[in-house]
């Protein structure tokens, strides 16, 4: 595992091909929305760090020896207690329907253009900011009091 740190989104990449893996990692590190990029060459190497770091997004290559990205996503999601966005990236467009059926956030074809990557990251940031918007009542007692006073 290799990581670089300190901005916003925590991003994991799983790809068995060193060239595309490093290219995507380098491109992501240049994006202002990204704080940490962790790279893995197999899905088995990514499991424990995924559970401990709880990334915001995981870029999954579909064809990785030992397990496909689709299989990994189907296997891991029911076993974790946090959510992450899955972005499939591959050279093979015929996996797109399966990716959509597995709730992929995005599906990108290799080689990924910087504009496509930036658009995906902006959408991720927008989703993240909506998810992190605090509720107007931060304490349960305040919420209960508001409901009790609504009837009067």
Protein backbone atom coordinates (compact mmCIF):
# COMPACT_ATOMS: atom_id res chain seq x y z
CA UNK A 1 0.00 0.00 0.00
CA UNK A 2 1.18 3.49 -0.80
CA UNK A 3 -0.50 6.67 0.50
CA UNK A 4 -0.04 10.41 0.21
CA UNK A 5 -1.88 12.76 2.54
CA UNK A 6 -3.50 16.03 3.62
CA UNK A 7 -6.43 17.64 1.79
CA UNK A 8 -10.03 16.51 1.49
CA UNK A 9 -11.29 13.29 -0.15
CA UNK A 10 -9.73 9.99 0.86
CA UNK A 11 -9.35 7.97 -2.34
CA UNK A 12 -8.42 4.32 -2.86
CA UNK A 13 -7.40 2.85 -6.20
CA UNK A 14 -7.24 -0.88 -6.93
CA UNK A 15 -5.59 -1.86 -10.21
CA UNK A 16 -3.18 -4.67 -11.08
CA UNK A 17 -1.59 -2.66 -13.90
CA UNK A 18 1.19 -0.42 -12.50
CA UNK A 19 1.08 2.12 -15.35
CA UNK A 20 -2.63 3.07 -15.17
CA UNK A 21 -2.54 2.79 -11.37
CA UNK A 22 0.29 5.30 -11.06
CA UNK A 23 -1.16 7.61 -13.71
CA UNK A 24 -4.52 7.78 -11.95
CA UNK A 25 -2.83 8.24 -8.55
CA UNK A 26 -0.69 11.10 -9.88
CA UNK A 27 -3.69 12.77 -11.54
CA UNK A 28 -5.73 12.51 -8.33
CA UNK A 29 -2.92 13.95 -6.21
CA UNK A 30 -3.01 17.06 -8.39
CA UNK A 31 -6.71 17.64 -7.76
CA UNK A 32 -7.49 20.15 -4.98
CA UNK A 33 -10.46 18.05 -3.77
CA UNK A 34 -8.20 15.09 -2.94
CA UNK A 35 -6.31 14.75 0.31
CA UNK A 36 -5.13 11.17 0.47
CA UNK A 37 -4.56 8.62 -2.27
CA UNK A 38 -3.91 4.98 -1.41
CA UNK A 39 -3.04 2.47 -4.12
CA UNK A 40 -3.36 -1.32 -4.17
CA UNK A 41 -2.52 -3.92 -6.78
CA UNK A 42 -5.07 -6.47 -5.55
CA UNK A 43 -8.43 -6.51 -3.81
CA UNK A 44 -7.11 -8.68 -0.98
CA UNK A 45 -4.49 -6.00 -0.20
CA UNK A 46 -7.21 -3.31 -0.04
CA UNK A 47 -9.63 -4.96 2.42
CA UNK A 48 -8.06 -4.12 5.79
CA UNK A 49 -7.06 -0.53 4.85
CA UNK A 50 -10.54 0.00 3.43
CA UNK A 51 -12.07 -0.95 6.76
CA UNK A 52 -9.64 1.12 8.83
CA UNK A 53 -9.39 4.27 6.67
CA UNK A 54 -12.99 4.31 5.40
CA UNK A 55 -12.33 6.12 2.11
CA UNK A 56 -14.81 8.43 0.45
CA UNK A 57 -14.32 6.85 -2.97
CA UNK A 58 -12.73 3.70 -4.37
CA UNK A 59 -11.63 3.51 -7.99
CA UNK A 60 -12.01 -0.13 -9.01
CA UNK A 61 -10.44 -1.73 -12.04
CA UNK A 62 -12.87 -4.36 -13.23
CA UNK A 63 -10.40 -7.03 -14.34
CA UNK A 64 -7.93 -7.78 -11.56
CA UNK A 65 -6.54 -11.33 -11.15
CA UNK A 66 -8.14 -13.18 -8.26
CA UNK A 67 -11.33 -11.12 -8.06
CA UNK A 68 -13.17 -8.70 -10.29
CA UNK A 69 -14.02 -5.22 -9.11
CA UNK A 70 -17.70 -6.12 -9.45
CA UNK A 71 -17.27 -9.19 -7.23
CA UNK A 72 -15.25 -7.18 -4.70
CA UNK A 73 -17.97 -4.55 -4.43
CA UNK A 74 -20.72 -7.18 -4.05
CA UNK A 75 -18.69 -8.99 -1.36
CA UNK A 76 -17.50 -6.00 0.69
CA UNK A 77 -20.54 -3.72 0.90
CA UNK A 78 -22.67 -5.99 3.12
CA UNK A 79 -19.71 -6.48 5.49
CA UNK A 80 -18.89 -2.85 6.26
CA UNK A 81 -20.65 -0.23 8.35
CA UNK A 82 -19.81 2.88 6.34
CA UNK A 83 -20.51 4.00 2.81
CA UNK A 84 -18.11 4.80 0.02
CA UNK A 85 -18.62 5.65 -3.61
CA UNK A 86 -17.42 3.13 -6.18
CA UNK A 87 -16.02 4.42 -9.45
CA UNK A 88 -15.25 1.68 -11.95
CA UNK A 89 -12.51 2.40 -14.39
CA UNK A 90 -11.58 -0.04 -17.09
CA UNK A 91 -10.72 -0.40 -20.75
CA UNK A 92 -13.85 -2.51 -21.31
CA UNK A 93 -17.19 -0.78 -21.80
CA UNK A 94 -19.21 -4.03 -21.66
CA UNK A 95 -18.99 -3.96 -17.84
CA UNK A 96 -20.99 -0.73 -17.60
CA UNK A 97 -24.42 -2.34 -17.07
CA UNK A 98 -23.10 -4.57 -14.26
CA UNK A 99 -21.43 -1.56 -12.66
CA UNK A 100 -24.68 0.39 -12.72
CA UNK A 101 -26.55 -2.56 -11.24
CA UNK A 102 -23.99 -2.59 -8.43
CA UNK A 103 -24.66 1.07 -7.62
CA UNK A 104 -21.52 2.50 -9.15
CA UNK A 105 -21.13 6.23 -8.64
CA UNK A 106 -19.41 6.50 -12.02
CA UNK A 107 -17.91 4.40 -14.80
CA UNK A 108 -14.83 5.73 -16.59
CA UNK A 109 -13.01 4.24 -19.56
CA UNK A 110 -9.21 4.05 -19.60
CA UNK A 111 -7.37 6.19 -20.33
CA UNK A 112 -9.22 8.68 -18.15
CA UNK A 113 -9.08 12.28 -19.30
CA UNK A 114 -8.35 14.96 -16.68
CA UNK A 115 -11.69 16.60 -17.49
CA UNK A 116 -13.62 13.37 -16.81
CA UNK A 117 -11.74 12.87 -13.56
CA UNK A 118 -12.38 16.45 -12.46
CA UNK A 119 -16.10 16.12 -13.23
CA UNK A 120 -16.31 12.93 -11.16
CA UNK A 121 -14.51 14.55 -8.23
CA UNK A 122 -16.75 17.62 -8.33
CA UNK A 123 -19.83 15.38 -8.21
CA UNK A 124 -18.28 13.49 -5.28
CA UNK A 125 -17.63 16.74 -3.43
CA UNK A 126 -21.20 17.85 -4.01
CA UNK A 127 -22.56 14.54 -2.68
CA UNK A 128 -20.21 14.72 0.28
CA UNK A 129 -21.17 18.28 1.21
CA UNK A 130 -24.88 17.39 1.10
CA UNK A 131 -24.23 14.33 3.29
CA UNK A 132 -22.23 16.37 5.81
CA UNK A 133 -24.75 19.21 6.12
CA UNK A 134 -25.73 19.25 9.80
CA UNK A 135 -29.31 18.84 10.83
CA UNK A 136 -30.83 21.93 12.46
CA UNK A 137 -31.23 19.96 15.71
CA UNK A 138 -27.97 18.49 16.86
CA UNK A 139 -29.29 17.09 20.12
CA UNK A 140 -32.08 14.61 20.54
CA UNK A 141 -33.69 16.66 23.34
CA UNK A 142 -33.91 19.74 21.11
CA UNK A 143 -35.55 17.66 18.39
CA UNK A 144 -38.08 16.20 20.83
CA UNK A 145 -38.85 19.64 22.26
CA UNK A 146 -39.46 21.01 18.78
CA UNK A 147 -42.00 18.26 18.07
CA UNK A 148 -43.73 18.78 21.43
CA UNK A 149 -44.03 22.54 20.83
CA UNK A 150 -45.34 22.06 17.29
CA UNK A 151 -48.75 21.00 18.59
CA UNK A 152 -49.27 24.14 20.69
